Amino acid sequence: MSLPAIRQAMVLTAPGTPLLWQELPMPMPGPEQVLLQVQACGVCRTDLHVADGDLTQPKLPLILGHEIVGTVVGLGSRVAKFRLGDRVGVPWLGQTCGHCRYCRKGRENLCDAPGFTGYTLDGGFTNYTVADQRYCFPLPTFYHPVQAAPLLCAGLIGYRSYRLAGDDVEHLGIYGFGAAAHITVQVARHFGQQVYAFTVPGDHATQAFARSLGAVWAGDSTSKPPVALDAAIIFAPVGALLPAALAAVGKGGVVVCGGIHMSPIPSFSYDILWGERLVRSVANLTRQDGEEFLALAPQIPIRTEVHPLPLTAANEALDLLRRGLIHGAAVLTMA
């Protein structure tokens, strides 16, 4: 296959500024890397946090995007996991050191010296990119590339958040019903749990969307659910939701903060934490999370609600996400 000498990309040159269309030299894969022709790349709220400057240490200039679906068109000298023509997915966790105390304990999501796709490593808002074979996943053929893209972060972080909510959960609350939530509700329903969806007050369209996916109740984030929750997951980056979620879970309940960034958390009275309630955060993902979830997704099967846009519309996609106007996930396509 003859490859072009240049690639096209939407590039972040400074936080708080629009992405710029640029033509760049074609990247060459290192020994452990695959060169991918990108077919689709999801647009995640984390991309928005990077673009807006909420996450403060990006590589600049930077190609955003960490929900990458691509076809292998080049192989590094030590690549054995994939062959030319394979379809693979690239997630947020792009590399780890392998030797810090967290990596040695199998907690690579907490690595002291990680690399993150679309943040400290160039990502998928481009038609060609490189990625470390060791942190890529073979993708189920069940999914079209555009449908598969949201699985690689919205799905993976949703799945990790869901697992950390605990095993003994009958009533699960989800605060913020975006890309991750619309996948997580399908996992929870598959395992027989009842889901209660919380949205921005007055967002009846999103509440109806949640009910269409199996939520037994959907209402404003300021409302109390009709039953005490066993656990709640907060996907919206709104600190004020933490006290609300704590007040909604029963004794022994768990509140999981599933985002990488959250606005300041207001003070709250101890009584809503008392009763052995637990608050925990989710940091990144492990490769085991990816292997488990991508095997489970076609069995359920997870159906992703996607809104395809061309690569050149990356700024529009980020703005739609910023304004809360996307039900499901925006996905950039390279065709």
C-alpha atoms as a PDB file:
ATOM      1  CA  MET A   1       0.000   0.000   0.000  1.00  0.00           C
ATOM      2  CA  SER A   2       1.363   3.393  -0.995  1.00  0.00           C
ATOM      3  CA  LEU A   3       1.064   5.932   1.824  1.00  0.00           C
ATOM      4  CA  PRO A   4       0.890   9.708   1.426  1.00  0.00           C
ATOM      5  CA  ALA A   5       3.765  11.894   2.582  1.00  0.00           C
ATOM      6  CA  ILE A   6       1.483  14.158   4.628  1.00  0.00           C
ATOM      7  CA  ARG A   7      -1.548  13.793   6.838  1.00  0.00           C
ATOM      8  CA  GLN A   8      -4.376  16.149   7.732  1.00  0.00           C
ATOM      9  CA  ALA A   9      -5.187  17.003  11.333  1.00  0.00           C
ATOM     10  CA  MET A  10      -7.162  19.363  13.531  1.00  0.00           C
ATOM     11  CA  VAL A  11      -4.552  20.768  15.901  1.00  0.00           C
ATOM     12  CA  LEU A  12      -4.764  22.524  19.269  1.00  0.00           C
ATOM     13  CA  THR A  13      -2.049  25.188  19.431  1.00  0.00           C
ATOM     14  CA  ALA A  14      -3.153  26.852  22.683  1.00  0.00           C
ATOM     15  CA  PRO A  15      -5.894  26.118  25.237  1.00  0.00           C
ATOM     16  CA  GLY A  16      -9.019  28.175  24.744  1.00  0.00           C
ATOM     17  CA  THR A  17      -8.451  28.638  21.014  1.00  0.00           C
ATOM     18  CA  PRO A  18     -10.143  26.829  18.100  1.00  0.00           C
ATOM     19  CA  LEU A  19      -8.468  23.794  16.592  1.00  0.00           C
ATOM     20  CA  LEU A  20      -6.635  24.549  13.360  1.00  0.00           C
ATOM     21  CA  TRP A  21      -6.675  22.486  10.163  1.00  0.00           C
ATOM     22  CA  GLN A  22      -3.076  21.592   9.325  1.00  0.00           C
ATOM     23  CA  GLU A  23      -1.151  19.378   6.964  1.00  0.00           C
ATOM     24  CA  LEU A  24       1.679  17.580   8.772  1.00  0.00           C
ATOM     25  CA  PRO A  25       4.390  15.074   7.879  1.00  0.00           C
ATOM     26  CA  MET A  26       3.263  11.457   7.990  1.00  0.00           C
ATOM     27  CA  PRO A  27       4.324   9.902  11.330  1.00  0.00           C
ATOM     28  CA  MET A  28       6.611   6.892  11.193  1.00  0.00           C
ATOM     29  CA  PRO A  29       5.975   4.055  13.673  1.00  0.00           C
ATOM     30  CA  GLY A  30       8.588   3.309  16.316  1.00  0.00           C
ATOM     31  CA  PRO A  31       9.603  -0.292  17.098  1.00  0.00           C
ATOM     32  CA  GLU A  32       6.515  -0.998  19.263  1.00  0.00           C
ATOM     33  CA  GLN A  33       4.110   1.176  17.306  1.00  0.00           C
ATOM     34  CA  VAL A  34       1.504   0.623  14.638  1.00  0.00           C
ATOM     35  CA  LEU A  35       0.689   3.199  11.995  1.00  0.00           C
ATOM     36  CA  LEU A  36      -3.081   3.545  11.686  1.00  0.00           C
ATOM     37  CA  GLN A  37      -5.279   4.963   8.995  1.00  0.00           C
ATOM     38  CA  VAL A  38      -7.965   6.482  11.199  1.00  0.00           C
ATOM     39  CA  GLN A  39     -11.538   5.612  10.276  1.00  0.00           C
ATOM     40  CA  ALA A  40     -13.334   7.327  13.152  1.00  0.00           C
ATOM     41  CA  CYS A  41     -12.546   9.093  16.408  1.00  0.00           C
ATOM     42  CA  GLY A  42     -15.027   9.855  19.148  1.00  0.00           C
ATOM     43  CA  VAL A  43     -15.247  13.299  20.736  1.00  0.00           C
ATOM     44  CA  CYS A  44     -15.099  12.979  24.516  1.00  0.00           C
ATOM     45  CA  ARG A  45     -15.712  15.452  27.318  1.00  0.00           C
ATOM     46  CA  THR A  46     -12.043  15.019  28.221  1.00  0.00           C
ATOM     47  CA  ASP A  47     -11.168  16.454  24.793  1.00  0.00           C
ATOM     48  CA  LEU A  48     -13.250  19.452  25.770  1.00  0.00           C
ATOM     49  CA  HIS A  49     -11.435  19.766  29.115  1.00  0.00           C
ATOM     50  CA  VAL A  50      -8.091  19.738  27.275  1.00  0.00           C
ATOM     51  CA  ALA A  51      -9.220  22.224  24.624  1.00  0.00           C
ATOM     52  CA  ASP A  52     -10.701  24.593  27.217  1.00  0.00           C
ATOM     53  CA  GLY A  53      -7.652  24.439  29.496  1.00  0.00           C
ATOM     54  CA  ASP A  54      -9.263  22.615  32.432  1.00  0.00           C
ATOM     55  CA  LEU A  55      -6.508  20.006  32.106  1.00  0.00           C
ATOM     56  CA  THR A  56      -3.363  22.063  32.285  1.00  0.00           C
ATOM     57  CA  GLN A  57      -0.451  19.976  31.011  1.00  0.00           C
ATOM     58  CA  PRO A  58      -1.120  19.048  27.383  1.00  0.00           C
ATOM     59  CA  LYS A  59       1.588  18.515  24.817  1.00  0.00           C
ATOM     60  CA  LEU A  60       1.445  21.506  22.483  1.00  0.00           C
ATOM     61  CA  PRO A  61       0.809  21.621  19.630  1.00  0.00           C
ATOM     62  CA  LEU A  62      -1.537  18.672  20.123  1.00  0.00           C
ATOM     63  CA  ILE A  63      -3.831  16.439  18.105  1.00  0.00           C
ATOM     64  CA  LEU A  64      -6.781  15.636  20.373  1.00  0.00           C
ATOM     65  CA  GLY A  65      -8.804  12.418  20.356  1.00  0.00           C
ATOM     66  CA  HIS A  66      -8.580   9.178  22.335  1.00  0.00           C
ATOM     67  CA  GLU A  67     -11.469   7.105  21.000  1.00  0.00           C
ATOM     68  CA  ILE A  68      -9.682   6.008  17.845  1.00  0.00           C
ATOM     69  CA  VAL A  69     -10.746   3.307  15.414  1.00  0.00           C
ATOM     70  CA  GLY A  70      -8.207   2.636  12.692  1.00  0.00           C
ATOM     71  CA  THR A  71      -6.769   0.111  10.267  1.00  0.00           C
ATOM     72  CA  VAL A  72      -3.146  -0.962  10.615  1.00  0.00           C
ATOM     73  CA  VAL A  73      -1.177   0.259   7.581  1.00  0.00           C
ATOM     74  CA  GLY A  74       2.349   0.173   9.031  1.00  0.00           C
ATOM     75  CA  LEU A  75       4.241  -1.906  11.595  1.00  0.00           C
ATOM     76  CA  GLY A  76       7.183  -1.157  13.846  1.00  0.00           C
ATOM     77  CA  SER A  77      10.060  -3.613  13.896  1.00  0.00           C
ATOM     78  CA  ARG A  78       8.922  -5.323  17.121  1.00  0.00           C
ATOM     79  CA  VAL A  79       5.174  -5.421  16.476  1.00  0.00           C
ATOM     80  CA  ALA A  80       3.778  -8.954  16.788  1.00  0.00           C
ATOM     81  CA  LYS A  81       0.299  -8.311  18.178  1.00  0.00           C
ATOM     82  CA  PHE A  82      -1.205  -6.960  14.929  1.00  0.00           C
ATOM     83  CA  ARG A  83      -0.933  -7.442  11.190  1.00  0.00           C
ATOM     84  CA  LEU A  84      -1.497  -5.127   8.270  1.00  0.00           C
ATOM     85  CA  GLY A  85      -5.211  -4.679   7.696  1.00  0.00           C
ATOM     86  CA  ASP A  86      -6.263  -5.343  11.303  1.00  0.00           C
ATOM     87  CA  ARG A  87      -8.808  -2.977  12.808  1.00  0.00           C
ATOM     88  CA  VAL A  88      -7.786  -1.716  16.240  1.00  0.00           C
ATOM     89  CA  GLY A  89      -8.937   0.708  18.886  1.00  0.00           C
ATOM     90  CA  VAL A  90      -6.763   3.215  20.729  1.00  0.00           C
ATOM     91  CA  PRO A  91      -7.908   4.408  24.189  1.00  0.00           C
ATOM     92  CA  TRP A  92      -6.895   7.199  26.591  1.00  0.00           C
ATOM     93  CA  LEU A  93      -4.112   5.197  28.273  1.00  0.00           C
ATOM     94  CA  GLY A  94      -1.362   5.272  25.665  1.00  0.00           C
ATOM     95  CA  GLN A  95       1.669   4.091  27.637  1.00  0.00           C
ATOM     96  CA  THR A  96       2.926   3.390  31.159  1.00  0.00           C
ATOM     97  CA  CYS A  97       6.367   3.130  32.722  1.00  0.00           C
ATOM     98  CA  GLY A  98       5.930  -0.514  33.758  1.00  0.00           C
ATOM     99  CA  HIS A  99       8.153  -0.228  36.836  1.00  0.00           C
ATOM    100  CA  CYS A 100       6.636   2.234  39.338  1.00  0.00           C
ATOM    101  CA  ARG A 101       4.929   0.810  42.424  1.00  0.00           C
ATOM    102  CA  TYR A 102       1.496   1.086  40.800  1.00  0.00           C
ATOM    103  CA  CYS A 103       2.498  -0.678  37.603  1.00  0.00           C
ATOM    104  CA  ARG A 104       4.158  -3.436  39.629  1.00  0.00           C
ATOM    105  CA  LYS A 105       0.899  -3.975  41.530  1.00  0.00           C
ATOM    106  CA  GLY A 106      -1.189  -4.215  38.355  1.00  0.00           C
ATOM    107  CA  ARG A 107      -2.654  -0.736  38.839  1.00  0.00           C
ATOM    108  CA  GLU A 108      -1.293   0.783  35.641  1.00  0.00           C
ATOM    109  CA  ASN A 109      -4.125   3.317  35.557  1.00  0.00           C
ATOM    110  CA  LEU A 110      -2.289   5.059  38.420  1.00  0.00           C
ATOM    111  CA  CYS A 111       1.160   4.942  36.777  1.00  0.00           C
ATOM    112  CA  ASP A 112       3.542   7.692  37.911  1.00  0.00           C
ATOM    113  CA  ALA A 113       4.793   8.360  34.364  1.00  0.00           C
ATOM    114  CA  PRO A 114       1.942   7.593  31.950  1.00  0.00           C
ATOM    115  CA  GLY A 115       1.252   8.788  28.430  1.00  0.00           C
ATOM    116  CA  PHE A 116      -2.294   9.750  27.491  1.00  0.00           C
ATOM    117  CA  THR A 117      -3.632   9.666  23.949  1.00  0.00           C
ATOM    118  CA  GLY A 118      -4.835  13.068  22.825  1.00  0.00           C
ATOM    119  CA  TYR A 119      -3.245  14.825  25.823  1.00  0.00           C
ATOM    120  CA  THR A 120       0.460  14.026  26.201  1.00  0.00           C
ATOM    121  CA  LEU A 121       0.531  11.933  23.010  1.00  0.00           C
ATOM    122  CA  ASP A 122      -0.981  12.913  19.676  1.00  0.00           C
ATOM    123  CA  GLY A 123      -4.409  11.390  19.164  1.00  0.00           C
ATOM    124  CA  GLY A 124      -7.017  10.701  16.534  1.00  0.00           C
ATOM    125  CA  PHE A 125      -8.349  14.015  15.170  1.00  0.00           C
ATOM    126  CA  THR A 126      -6.354  13.160  12.042  1.00  0.00           C
ATOM    127  CA  ASN A 127      -6.440  10.695   9.177  1.00  0.00           C
ATOM    128  CA  TYR A 128      -3.230   8.898  10.228  1.00  0.00           C
ATOM    129  CA  THR A 129      -1.702   8.345  13.643  1.00  0.00           C
ATOM    130  CA  VAL A 130       0.690   6.046  15.498  1.00  0.00           C
ATOM    131  CA  ALA A 131       0.032   4.146  18.727  1.00  0.00           C
ATOM    132  CA  ASP A 132       1.855   1.664  20.933  1.00  0.00           C
ATOM    133  CA  GLN A 133       0.699  -1.856  20.055  1.00  0.00           C
ATOM    134  CA  ARG A 134       0.761  -2.821  23.729  1.00  0.00           C
ATOM    135  CA  TYR A 135      -2.011  -0.315  24.541  1.00  0.00           C
ATOM    136  CA  CYS A 136      -4.237  -0.959  21.521  1.00  0.00           C
ATOM    137  CA  PHE A 137      -7.189  -3.330  21.405  1.00  0.00           C
ATOM    138  CA  PRO A 138      -8.419  -5.598  18.624  1.00  0.00           C
ATOM    139  CA  LEU A 139     -11.981  -4.482  17.951  1.00  0.00           C
ATOM    140  CA  PRO A 140     -15.018  -6.731  17.607  1.00  0.00           C
ATOM    141  CA  THR A 141     -16.128  -7.018  13.986  1.00  0.00           C
ATOM    142  CA  PHE A 142     -19.692  -6.663  15.320  1.00  0.00           C
ATOM    143  CA  TYR A 143     -19.342  -2.874  15.233  1.00  0.00           C
ATOM    144  CA  HIS A 144     -19.097  -0.357  12.432  1.00  0.00           C
ATOM    145  CA  PRO A 145     -16.095   1.952  13.085  1.00  0.00           C
ATOM    146  CA  VAL A 146     -18.324   4.926  13.907  1.00  0.00           C
ATOM    147  CA  GLN A 147     -20.368   2.820  16.336  1.00  0.00           C
ATOM    148  CA  ALA A 148     -17.209   1.395  17.921  1.00  0.00           C
ATOM    149  CA  ALA A 149     -15.449   4.702  18.633  1.00  0.00           C
ATOM    150  CA  PRO A 150     -17.412   5.698  21.793  1.00  0.00           C
ATOM    151  CA  LEU A 151     -16.677   2.305  23.356  1.00  0.00           C
ATOM    152  CA  LEU A 152     -13.014   3.285  23.714  1.00  0.00           C
ATOM    153  CA  CYS A 153     -13.523   5.905  26.411  1.00  0.00           C
ATOM    154  CA  ALA A 154     -17.200   6.514  27.150  1.00  0.00           C
ATOM    155  CA  GLY A 155     -17.585   2.749  27.284  1.00  0.00           C
ATOM    156  CA  LEU A 156     -14.355   1.950  29.096  1.00  0.00           C
ATOM    157  CA  ILE A 157     -14.600   4.665  31.754  1.00  0.00           C
ATOM    158  CA  GLY A 158     -18.297   3.918  32.152  1.00  0.00           C
ATOM    159  CA  TYR A 159     -17.483   0.249  32.671  1.00  0.00           C
ATOM    160  CA  ARG A 160     -14.735   0.967  35.218  1.00  0.00           C
ATOM    161  CA  SER A 161     -17.033   3.371  37.072  1.00  0.00           C
ATOM    162  CA  TYR A 162     -19.787   0.761  37.023  1.00  0.00           C
ATOM    163  CA  ARG A 163     -17.498  -1.918  38.471  1.00  0.00           C
ATOM    164  CA  LEU A 164     -16.282   0.395  41.236  1.00  0.00           C
ATOM    165  CA  ALA A 165     -19.887   1.080  42.241  1.00  0.00           C
ATOM    166  CA  GLY A 166     -19.902  -2.446  43.682  1.00  0.00           C
ATOM    167  CA  ASP A 167     -21.455  -5.826  43.098  1.00  0.00           C
ATOM    168  CA  ASP A 168     -24.452  -5.654  45.441  1.00  0.00           C
ATOM    169  CA  VAL A 169     -26.339  -2.903  43.600  1.00  0.00           C
ATOM    170  CA  GLU A 170     -30.034  -3.059  42.788  1.00  0.00           C
ATOM    171  CA  HIS A 171     -30.774   0.659  42.412  1.00  0.00           C
ATOM    172  CA  LEU A 172     -28.100   2.639  40.508  1.00  0.00           C
ATOM    173  CA  GLY A 173     -28.184   6.391  39.968  1.00  0.00           C
ATOM    174  CA  ILE A 174     -26.386   8.086  37.070  1.00  0.00           C
ATOM    175  CA  TYR A 175     -25.792  11.844  37.206  1.00  0.00           C
ATOM    176  CA  GLY A 176     -25.129  13.416  33.811  1.00  0.00           C
ATOM    177  CA  PHE A 177     -26.592  11.447  30.935  1.00  0.00           C
ATOM    178  CA  GLY A 178     -24.088  11.836  28.113  1.00  0.00           C
ATOM    179  CA  ALA A 179     -21.904   9.441  26.139  1.00  0.00           C
ATOM    180  CA  ALA A 180     -20.628   7.368  29.092  1.00  0.00           C
ATOM    181  CA  ALA A 181     -24.021   7.184  30.762  1.00  0.00           C
ATOM    182  CA  HIS A 182     -25.863   6.012  27.663  1.00  0.00           C
ATOM    183  CA  ILE A 183     -23.510   3.011  27.495  1.00  0.00           C
ATOM    184  CA  THR A 184     -23.405   2.353  31.246  1.00  0.00           C
ATOM    185  CA  VAL A 185     -27.193   2.146  31.517  1.00  0.00           C
ATOM    186  CA  GLN A 186     -27.156  -0.679  28.979  1.00  0.00           C
ATOM    187  CA  VAL A 187     -24.561  -2.595  31.000  1.00  0.00           C
ATOM    188  CA  ALA A 188     -26.557  -2.143  34.209  1.00  0.00           C
ATOM    189  CA  ARG A 189     -29.806  -3.221  32.577  1.00  0.00           C
ATOM    190  CA  HIS A 190     -28.060  -6.291  31.148  1.00  0.00           C
ATOM    191  CA  PHE A 191     -27.229  -7.340  34.708  1.00  0.00           C
ATOM    192  CA  GLY A 192     -30.780  -6.734  35.940  1.00  0.00           C
ATOM    193  CA  GLN A 193     -30.233  -3.466  37.808  1.00  0.00           C
ATOM    194  CA  GLN A 194     -32.637  -0.544  37.938  1.00  0.00           C
ATOM    195  CA  VAL A 195     -31.199   2.747  36.736  1.00  0.00           C
ATOM    196  CA  TYR A 196     -32.251   6.236  37.810  1.00  0.00           C
ATOM    197  CA  ALA A 197     -31.034   9.015  35.487  1.00  0.00           C
ATOM    198  CA  PHE A 198     -30.380  12.582  36.634  1.00  0.00           C
ATOM    199  CA  THR A 199     -30.066  15.431  34.130  1.00  0.00           C
ATOM    200  CA  VAL A 200     -29.805  19.210  34.027  1.00  0.00           C
ATOM    201  CA  PRO A 201     -33.078  20.578  35.433  1.00  0.00           C
ATOM    202  CA  GLY A 202     -35.674  20.900  32.698  1.00  0.00           C
ATOM    203  CA  ASP A 203     -33.838  18.745  30.151  1.00  0.00           C
ATOM    204  CA  HIS A 204     -36.845  16.624  29.300  1.00  0.00           C
ATOM    205  CA  ALA A 205     -35.366  15.431  25.999  1.00  0.00           C
ATOM    206  CA  THR A 206     -32.398  13.814  27.721  1.00  0.00           C
ATOM    207  CA  GLN A 207     -34.676  12.352  30.374  1.00  0.00           C
ATOM    208  CA  ALA A 208     -36.779  10.759  27.629  1.00  0.00           C
ATOM    209  CA  PHE A 209     -33.566   9.472  25.996  1.00  0.00           C
ATOM    210  CA  ALA A 210     -32.546   7.841  29.292  1.00  0.00           C
ATOM    211  CA  ARG A 211     -35.925   6.163  29.665  1.00  0.00           C
ATOM    212  CA  SER A 212     -35.721   4.896  26.072  1.00  0.00           C
ATOM    213  CA  LEU A 213     -32.505   3.085  27.024  1.00  0.00           C
ATOM    214  CA  GLY A 214     -34.085   1.405  30.026  1.00  0.00           C
ATOM    215  CA  ALA A 215     -33.877   3.847  32.925  1.00  0.00           C
ATOM    216  CA  VAL A 216     -36.819   3.203  35.249  1.00  0.00           C
ATOM    217  CA  TRP A 217     -36.853   6.855  36.338  1.00  0.00           C
ATOM    218  CA  ALA A 218     -35.394  10.073  34.960  1.00  0.00           C
ATOM    219  CA  GLY A 219     -35.522  13.501  36.527  1.00  0.00           C
ATOM    220  CA  ASP A 220     -33.673  16.664  37.492  1.00  0.00           C
ATOM    221  CA  SER A 221     -30.348  16.440  39.280  1.00  0.00           C
ATOM    222  CA  THR A 222     -31.903  18.474  42.115  1.00  0.00           C
ATOM    223  CA  SER A 223     -34.604  15.840  42.689  1.00  0.00           C
ATOM    224  CA  LYS A 224     -34.631  12.900  45.056  1.00  0.00           C
ATOM    225  CA  PRO A 225     -35.170   9.515  43.382  1.00  0.00           C
ATOM    226  CA  PRO A 226     -38.242   7.512  44.413  1.00  0.00           C
ATOM    227  CA  VAL A 227     -36.061   4.990  46.293  1.00  0.00           C
ATOM    228  CA  ALA A 228     -32.787   5.155  48.188  1.00  0.00           C
ATOM    229  CA  LEU A 229     -29.960   4.297  45.800  1.00  0.00           C
ATOM    230  CA  ASP A 230     -27.399   1.593  46.475  1.00  0.00           C
ATOM    231  CA  ALA A 231     -24.816   3.454  44.395  1.00  0.00           C
ATOM    232  CA  ALA A 232     -24.495   6.482  42.151  1.00  0.00           C
ATOM    233  CA  ILE A 233     -22.091   7.395  39.369  1.00  0.00           C
ATOM    234  CA  ILE A 234     -21.406  11.046  38.574  1.00  0.00           C
ATOM    235  CA  PHE A 235     -20.340  11.617  34.977  1.00  0.00           C
ATOM    236  CA  ALA A 236     -21.140  15.344  34.809  1.00  0.00           C
ATOM    237  CA  PRO A 237     -18.152  17.533  35.828  1.00  0.00           C
ATOM    238  CA  VAL A 238     -20.238  19.411  38.399  1.00  0.00           C
ATOM    239  CA  GLY A 239     -18.964  19.379  41.983  1.00  0.00           C
ATOM    240  CA  ALA A 240     -22.358  20.299  43.415  1.00  0.00           C
ATOM    241  CA  LEU A 241     -23.642  16.885  42.342  1.00  0.00           C
ATOM    242  CA  LEU A 242     -21.508  15.096  44.930  1.00  0.00           C
ATOM    243  CA  PRO A 243     -23.545  16.207  47.961  1.00  0.00           C
ATOM    244  CA  ALA A 244     -26.738  15.566  45.973  1.00  0.00           C
ATOM    245  CA  ALA A 245     -25.646  12.028  45.168  1.00  0.00           C
ATOM    246  CA  LEU A 246     -24.599  11.363  48.760  1.00  0.00           C
ATOM    247  CA  ALA A 247     -28.035  12.483  49.936  1.00  0.00           C
ATOM    248  CA  ALA A 248     -29.635  10.099  47.423  1.00  0.00           C
ATOM    249  CA  VAL A 249     -27.747   6.925  48.374  1.00  0.00           C
ATOM    250  CA  GLY A 250     -28.716   4.837  51.382  1.00  0.00           C
ATOM    251  CA  LYS A 251     -26.472   3.655  54.198  1.00  0.00           C
ATOM    252  CA  GLY A 252     -23.443   1.838  52.898  1.00  0.00           C
ATOM    253  CA  GLY A 253     -23.967   3.418  49.482  1.00  0.00           C
ATOM    254  CA  VAL A 254     -21.153   4.269  47.079  1.00  0.00           C
ATOM    255  CA  VAL A 255     -20.739   7.447  45.040  1.00  0.00           C
ATOM    256  CA  VAL A 256     -18.306   7.147  42.140  1.00  0.00           C
ATOM    257  CA  CYS A 257     -16.931  10.255  40.437  1.00  0.00           C
ATOM    258  CA  GLY A 258     -16.316   9.060  36.901  1.00  0.00           C
ATOM    259  CA  GLY A 259     -14.758  12.155  35.313  1.00  0.00           C
ATOM    260  CA  ILE A 260     -11.182  13.369  35.031  1.00  0.00           C
ATOM    261  CA  HIS A 261     -12.161  16.927  35.986  1.00  0.00           C
ATOM    262  CA  MET A 262     -14.825  18.381  38.261  1.00  0.00           C
ATOM    263  CA  SER A 263     -15.716  21.879  39.390  1.00  0.00           C
ATOM    264  CA  PRO A 264     -15.177  22.679  43.099  1.00  0.00           C
ATOM    265  CA  ILE A 265     -17.195  20.564  45.524  1.00  0.00           C
ATOM    266  CA  PRO A 266     -19.229  22.612  48.009  1.00  0.00           C
ATOM    267  CA  SER A 267     -19.118  21.848  51.704  1.00  0.00           C
ATOM    268  CA  PHE A 268     -21.790  19.519  53.050  1.00  0.00           C
ATOM    269  CA  SER A 269     -22.966  18.277  56.409  1.00  0.00           C
ATOM    270  CA  TYR A 270     -21.458  15.083  57.775  1.00  0.00           C
ATOM    271  CA  ASP A 271     -24.819  13.351  58.148  1.00  0.00           C
ATOM    272  CA  ILE A 272     -25.062  12.626  54.400  1.00  0.00           C
ATOM    273  CA  LEU A 273     -21.664  10.912  54.496  1.00  0.00           C
ATOM    274  CA  TRP A 274     -22.236   9.111  57.778  1.00  0.00           C
ATOM    275  CA  GLY A 275     -23.661   5.608  57.648  1.00  0.00           C
ATOM    276  CA  GLU A 276     -20.572   4.148  55.980  1.00  0.00           C
ATOM    277  CA  ARG A 277     -21.243   5.857  52.689  1.00  0.00           C
ATOM    278  CA  LEU A 278     -18.207   5.867  50.401  1.00  0.00           C
ATOM    279  CA  VAL A 279     -16.942   8.415  47.873  1.00  0.00           C
ATOM    280  CA  ARG A 280     -14.345   7.376  45.316  1.00  0.00           C
ATOM    281  CA  SER A 281     -12.947   8.594  42.022  1.00  0.00           C
ATOM    282  CA  VAL A 282     -12.044   6.813  38.814  1.00  0.00           C
ATOM    283  CA  ALA A 283      -8.624   7.437  37.313  1.00  0.00           C
ATOM    284  CA  ASN A 284      -8.047   6.407  33.722  1.00  0.00           C
ATOM    285  CA  LEU A 285      -8.357   2.707  32.870  1.00  0.00           C
ATOM    286  CA  THR A 286      -6.357  -0.489  32.685  1.00  0.00           C
ATOM    287  CA  ARG A 287      -5.874  -2.742  29.696  1.00  0.00           C
ATOM    288  CA  GLN A 288      -7.794  -5.409  31.597  1.00  0.00           C
ATOM    289  CA  ASP A 289     -10.787  -3.035  31.703  1.00  0.00           C
ATOM    290  CA  GLY A 290     -10.587  -2.747  27.943  1.00  0.00           C
ATOM    291  CA  GLU A 291     -10.313  -6.467  27.309  1.00  0.00           C
ATOM    292  CA  GLU A 292     -13.246  -7.253  29.606  1.00  0.00           C
ATOM    293  CA  PHE A 293     -15.539  -4.539  28.301  1.00  0.00           C
ATOM    294  CA  LEU A 294     -14.834  -5.038  24.596  1.00  0.00           C
ATOM    295  CA  ALA A 295     -15.601  -8.738  25.022  1.00  0.00           C
ATOM    296  CA  LEU A 296     -18.836  -7.937  26.889  1.00  0.00           C
ATOM    297  CA  ALA A 297     -20.118  -5.158  24.599  1.00  0.00           C
ATOM    298  CA  PRO A 298     -21.197  -7.347  21.644  1.00  0.00           C
ATOM    299  CA  GLN A 299     -22.731  -9.914  23.990  1.00  0.00           C
ATOM    300  CA  ILE A 300     -25.176  -7.413  25.521  1.00  0.00           C
ATOM    301  CA  PRO A 301     -25.101  -5.973  22.767  1.00  0.00           C
ATOM    302  CA  ILE A 302     -24.239  -2.337  23.488  1.00  0.00           C
ATOM    303  CA  ARG A 303     -25.800   0.027  20.965  1.00  0.00           C
ATOM    304  CA  THR A 304     -24.112   3.407  20.709  1.00  0.00           C
ATOM    305  CA  GLU A 305     -26.064   6.513  19.780  1.00  0.00           C
ATOM    306  CA  VAL A 306     -23.685   8.424  17.512  1.00  0.00           C
ATOM    307  CA  HIS A 307     -23.654  11.726  15.678  1.00  0.00           C
ATOM    308  CA  PRO A 308     -21.085  11.538  12.846  1.00  0.00           C
ATOM    309  CA  LEU A 309     -19.345  14.719  11.723  1.00  0.00           C
ATOM    310  CA  PRO A 310     -16.433  15.202   9.324  1.00  0.00           C
ATOM    311  CA  LEU A 311     -12.951  15.819  10.711  1.00  0.00           C
ATOM    312  CA  THR A 312     -13.139  19.449   9.603  1.00  0.00           C
ATOM    313  CA  ALA A 313     -16.128  19.931  11.964  1.00  0.00           C
ATOM    314  CA  ALA A 314     -14.119  19.103  15.115  1.00  0.00           C
ATOM    315  CA  ASN A 315     -14.651  22.594  16.551  1.00  0.00           C
ATOM    316  CA  GLU A 316     -18.383  22.305  15.930  1.00  0.00           C
ATOM    317  CA  ALA A 317     -18.431  18.918  17.690  1.00  0.00           C
ATOM    318  CA  LEU A 318     -16.635  20.346  20.731  1.00  0.00           C
ATOM    319  CA  ASP A 319     -19.039  23.279  20.863  1.00  0.00           C
ATOM    320  CA  LEU A 320     -22.097  21.024  20.671  1.00  0.00           C
ATOM    321  CA  LEU A 321     -20.666  18.989  23.537  1.00  0.00           C
ATOM    322  CA  ARG A 322     -19.887  22.142  25.511  1.00  0.00           C
ATOM    323  CA  ARG A 323     -23.510  23.279  25.117  1.00  0.00           C
ATOM    324  CA  GLY A 324     -24.972  19.881  26.034  1.00  0.00           C
ATOM    325  CA  LEU A 325     -26.646  19.419  22.667  1.00  0.00           C
ATOM    326  CA  ILE A 326     -25.538  15.870  21.899  1.00  0.00           C
ATOM    327  CA  HIS A 327     -27.503  12.805  22.982  1.00  0.00           C
ATOM    328  CA  GLY A 328     -25.019   9.965  22.934  1.00  0.00           C
ATOM    329  CA  ALA A 329     -21.627  10.642  21.351  1.00  0.00           C
ATOM    330  CA  ALA A 330     -20.189  12.808  18.594  1.00  0.00           C
ATOM    331  CA  VAL A 331     -17.811  10.948  16.291  1.00  0.00           C
ATOM    332  CA  LEU A 332     -15.455  12.440  13.705  1.00  0.00           C
ATOM    333  CA  THR A 333     -15.152  10.529  10.435  1.00  0.00           C
ATOM    334  CA  MET A 334     -12.235  10.670   8.026  1.00  0.00           C
ATOM    335  CA  ALA A 335     -13.987   9.727   4.777  1.00  0.00           C
END
